[in-house]
Amino acid sequence: MLTALLSITDRDGPTPLGPGSLDRPAYARAGLRVLDWRRATSAEIVAADSSWAKRLHAGPARPVWRLVAAQEAHGGE
């Protein structure tokens, strides 16, 4: 299982993250099934205890997205 908190805004690059920005087919090609893609809650950001998130003021001043993915089950495994 993969759980990641991600944040990309206009200031960081050409394509900020948003509700429709996740390339699900790319994850599927990598053998991962996306289980969850949504804005992270303040509690999830705090629970990550990330010094980088704290420096970026993640959450209140900067949107953070939560990704949960799992390895696709393949026949015979």
N, C-alpha and C. Protein backbone atom coordinates (compact mmCIF):
# COMPACT_ATOMS: atom_id res chain seq x y z
N MET A 1 0.85 -1.17 0.00
CA MET A 1 0.00 0.00 0.00
C MET A 1 0.89 1.24 0.00
N LEU A 2 0.51 2.20 -0.81
CA LEU A 2 1.22 3.47 -0.91
C LEU A 2 0.30 4.57 -0.43
N THR A 3 0.78 5.39 0.50
CA THR A 3 0.07 6.59 0.92
C THR A 3 1.03 7.74 0.80
N ALA A 4 0.62 8.80 0.09
CA ALA A 4 1.50 9.95 -0.11
C ALA A 4 0.70 11.23 0.01
N LEU A 5 1.34 12.25 0.54
CA LEU A 5 0.79 13.59 0.56
C LEU A 5 1.58 14.40 -0.44
N LEU A 6 0.88 15.06 -1.36
CA LEU A 6 1.51 15.78 -2.46
C LEU A 6 0.99 17.20 -2.53
N SER A 7 1.85 18.13 -2.96
CA SER A 7 1.41 19.50 -3.14
C SER A 7 2.20 20.13 -4.27
N ILE A 8 1.49 20.49 -5.33
CA ILE A 8 2.08 21.22 -6.45
C ILE A 8 1.11 22.35 -6.77
N THR A 9 1.60 23.58 -6.72
CA THR A 9 0.77 24.75 -7.01
C THR A 9 1.26 25.43 -8.28
N ASP A 10 0.56 26.47 -8.71
CA ASP A 10 0.98 27.24 -9.89
C ASP A 10 2.42 27.72 -9.74
N ARG A 11 2.79 28.07 -8.54
CA ARG A 11 4.14 28.58 -8.27
C ARG A 11 5.22 27.53 -8.50
N ASP A 12 4.86 26.25 -8.35
CA ASP A 12 5.84 25.16 -8.46
C ASP A 12 6.07 24.69 -9.89
N GLY A 13 5.09 24.83 -10.73
CA GLY A 13 5.22 24.30 -12.08
C GLY A 13 4.00 24.59 -12.92
N PRO A 14 3.97 24.06 -14.12
CA PRO A 14 2.91 24.40 -15.04
C PRO A 14 1.55 23.78 -14.73
N THR A 15 1.51 22.68 -13.98
CA THR A 15 0.25 21.99 -13.74
C THR A 15 0.05 21.73 -12.25
N PRO A 16 -0.74 22.58 -11.59
CA PRO A 16 -1.01 22.34 -10.17
C PRO A 16 -1.90 21.11 -9.98
N LEU A 17 -1.82 20.53 -8.81
CA LEU A 17 -2.68 19.38 -8.51
C LEU A 17 -4.10 19.83 -8.22
N GLY A 18 -5.05 18.97 -8.58
CA GLY A 18 -6.45 19.24 -8.33
C GLY A 18 -7.24 17.96 -8.41
N PRO A 19 -8.56 18.05 -8.30
CA PRO A 19 -9.40 16.85 -8.29
C PRO A 19 -9.22 15.96 -9.52
N GLY A 20 -9.05 16.54 -10.69
CA GLY A 20 -8.93 15.75 -11.91
C GLY A 20 -7.52 15.61 -12.44
N SER A 21 -6.53 15.96 -11.63
CA SER A 21 -5.16 15.99 -12.15
C SER A 21 -4.40 14.67 -12.05
N LEU A 22 -4.95 13.69 -11.37
CA LEU A 22 -4.25 12.42 -11.19
C LEU A 22 -4.36 11.57 -12.46
N ASP A 23 -3.24 11.10 -12.96
CA ASP A 23 -3.21 10.26 -14.17
C ASP A 23 -3.38 8.80 -13.76
N ARG A 24 -4.63 8.41 -13.53
CA ARG A 24 -4.92 7.04 -13.08
C ARG A 24 -4.40 5.97 -14.04
N PRO A 25 -4.51 6.15 -15.37
CA PRO A 25 -3.97 5.15 -16.28
C PRO A 25 -2.46 4.93 -16.10
N ALA A 26 -1.72 5.99 -15.77
CA ALA A 26 -0.28 5.84 -15.54
C ALA A 26 -0.02 4.97 -14.31
N TYR A 27 -0.80 5.17 -13.26
CA TYR A 27 -0.65 4.33 -12.07
C TYR A 27 -1.01 2.88 -12.40
N ALA A 28 -2.06 2.69 -13.19
CA ALA A 28 -2.47 1.34 -13.58
C ALA A 28 -1.37 0.66 -14.39
N ARG A 29 -0.73 1.39 -15.30
CA ARG A 29 0.37 0.81 -16.08
C ARG A 29 1.54 0.41 -15.17
N ALA A 30 1.67 1.10 -14.05
CA ALA A 30 2.73 0.77 -13.09
C ALA A 30 2.29 -0.32 -12.11
N GLY A 31 1.08 -0.84 -12.32
CA GLY A 31 0.59 -1.93 -11.47
C GLY A 31 -0.05 -1.47 -10.18
N LEU A 32 -0.46 -0.20 -10.13
CA LEU A 32 -1.08 0.34 -8.92
C LEU A 32 -2.53 0.74 -9.19
N ARG A 33 -3.39 0.41 -8.26
CA ARG A 33 -4.80 0.80 -8.33
C ARG A 33 -4.99 1.94 -7.34
N VAL A 34 -5.47 3.09 -7.84
CA VAL A 34 -5.71 4.24 -6.98
C VAL A 34 -6.96 3.99 -6.15
N LEU A 35 -6.81 4.04 -4.83
CA LEU A 35 -7.92 3.83 -3.91
C LEU A 35 -8.52 5.14 -3.44
N ASP A 36 -7.70 6.19 -3.35
CA ASP A 36 -8.16 7.47 -2.83
C ASP A 36 -7.33 8.60 -3.41
N TRP A 37 -7.98 9.67 -3.83
CA TRP A 37 -7.32 10.88 -4.30
C TRP A 37 -8.21 12.05 -3.92
N ARG A 38 -7.77 12.83 -2.93
CA ARG A 38 -8.59 13.93 -2.44
C ARG A 38 -7.72 14.88 -1.64
N ARG A 39 -8.29 16.04 -1.31
CA ARG A 39 -7.59 17.00 -0.45
C ARG A 39 -7.35 16.35 0.91
N ALA A 40 -6.16 16.50 1.41
CA ALA A 40 -5.82 15.97 2.73
C ALA A 40 -6.46 16.86 3.80
N THR A 41 -6.84 16.24 4.88
CA THR A 41 -7.39 16.99 6.00
C THR A 41 -6.23 17.59 6.80
N SER A 42 -6.55 18.59 7.60
CA SER A 42 -5.53 19.19 8.48
C SER A 42 -4.93 18.14 9.40
N ALA A 43 -5.78 17.24 9.91
CA ALA A 43 -5.30 16.19 10.81
C ALA A 43 -4.31 15.26 10.10
N GLU A 44 -4.57 14.93 8.84
CA GLU A 44 -3.65 14.05 8.09
C GLU A 44 -2.31 14.74 7.85
N ILE A 45 -2.35 16.03 7.58
CA ILE A 45 -1.11 16.78 7.36
C ILE A 45 -0.30 16.83 8.65
N VAL A 46 -0.95 17.13 9.76
CA VAL A 46 -0.28 17.18 11.06
C VAL A 46 0.28 15.81 11.42
N ALA A 47 -0.50 14.74 11.18
CA ALA A 47 -0.06 13.38 11.52
C ALA A 47 1.18 12.96 10.74
N ALA A 48 1.37 13.53 9.55
CA ALA A 48 2.56 13.20 8.75
C ALA A 48 3.83 13.70 9.42
N ASP A 49 3.72 14.70 10.27
CA ASP A 49 4.84 15.26 11.01
C ASP A 49 6.01 15.60 10.08
N SER A 50 5.70 16.25 8.97
CA SER A 50 6.69 16.60 7.96
C SER A 50 7.25 18.00 8.21
N SER A 51 8.55 18.09 8.38
CA SER A 51 9.17 19.40 8.57
C SER A 51 9.05 20.22 7.28
N TRP A 52 9.08 19.54 6.14
CA TRP A 52 8.93 20.23 4.85
C TRP A 52 7.53 20.83 4.74
N ALA A 53 6.51 20.10 5.11
CA ALA A 53 5.14 20.61 5.08
C ALA A 53 5.00 21.81 6.00
N LYS A 54 5.64 21.75 7.15
CA LYS A 54 5.59 22.87 8.09
C LYS A 54 6.22 24.11 7.47
N ARG A 55 7.37 23.95 6.82
CA ARG A 55 8.03 25.09 6.18
C ARG A 55 7.20 25.69 5.06
N LEU A 56 6.46 24.83 4.34
CA LEU A 56 5.63 25.31 3.23
C LEU A 56 4.27 25.83 3.70
N HIS A 57 3.98 25.68 4.98
CA HIS A 57 2.66 26.03 5.53
C HIS A 57 1.58 25.23 4.83
N ALA A 58 1.84 23.95 4.65
CA ALA A 58 0.89 23.06 3.97
C ALA A 58 -0.44 23.04 4.71
N GLY A 59 -1.48 23.01 3.94
CA GLY A 59 -2.83 22.98 4.50
C GLY A 59 -3.46 24.34 4.45
N PRO A 60 -3.20 25.20 5.45
CA PRO A 60 -3.88 26.50 5.46
C PRO A 60 -3.50 27.38 4.27
N ALA A 61 -2.21 27.43 3.94
CA ALA A 61 -1.76 28.32 2.88
C ALA A 61 -1.45 27.60 1.57
N ARG A 62 -1.41 26.30 1.61
CA ARG A 62 -1.00 25.52 0.44
C ARG A 62 -1.80 24.23 0.39
N PRO A 63 -2.54 23.97 -0.70
CA PRO A 63 -3.33 22.74 -0.78
C PRO A 63 -2.44 21.49 -0.83
N VAL A 64 -2.89 20.48 -0.11
CA VAL A 64 -2.19 19.20 -0.06
C VAL A 64 -3.18 18.12 -0.47
N TRP A 65 -2.71 17.21 -1.32
CA TRP A 65 -3.56 16.12 -1.83
C TRP A 65 -3.06 14.80 -1.28
N ARG A 66 -4.01 13.92 -0.97
CA ARG A 66 -3.70 12.61 -0.41
C ARG A 66 -3.94 11.54 -1.46
N LEU A 67 -2.92 10.74 -1.70
CA LEU A 67 -3.00 9.63 -2.65
C LEU A 67 -2.84 8.33 -1.88
N VAL A 68 -3.75 7.40 -2.10
CA VAL A 68 -3.61 6.04 -1.57
C VAL A 68 -3.74 5.11 -2.76
N ALA A 69 -2.78 4.22 -2.92
CA ALA A 69 -2.79 3.26 -4.02
C ALA A 69 -2.31 1.91 -3.51
N ALA A 70 -2.73 0.87 -4.18
CA ALA A 70 -2.32 -0.49 -3.81
C ALA A 70 -1.88 -1.23 -5.06
N GLN A 71 -1.01 -2.18 -4.86
CA GLN A 71 -0.56 -3.02 -5.97
C GLN A 71 -1.72 -3.82 -6.49
N GLU A 72 -1.89 -3.84 -7.80
CA GLU A 72 -2.93 -4.62 -8.43
C GLU A 72 -2.65 -6.09 -8.20
N ALA A 73 -3.69 -6.83 -7.87
CA ALA A 73 -3.55 -8.29 -7.73
C ALA A 73 -3.51 -8.90 -9.11
N HIS A 74 -2.61 -9.83 -9.31
CA HIS A 74 -2.49 -10.51 -10.60
C HIS A 74 -2.79 -11.99 -10.38
N GLY A 75 -3.33 -12.60 -11.38
CA GLY A 75 -3.65 -14.02 -11.31
C GLY A 75 -2.46 -14.86 -10.87
N GLY A 76 -2.69 -15.80 -9.99
CA GLY A 76 -1.63 -16.70 -9.55
C GLY A 76 -0.85 -16.18 -8.37
N GLU A 77 -1.15 -14.97 -7.90
CA GLU A 77 -0.40 -14.42 -6.76
C GLU A 77 -1.18 -14.57 -5.49
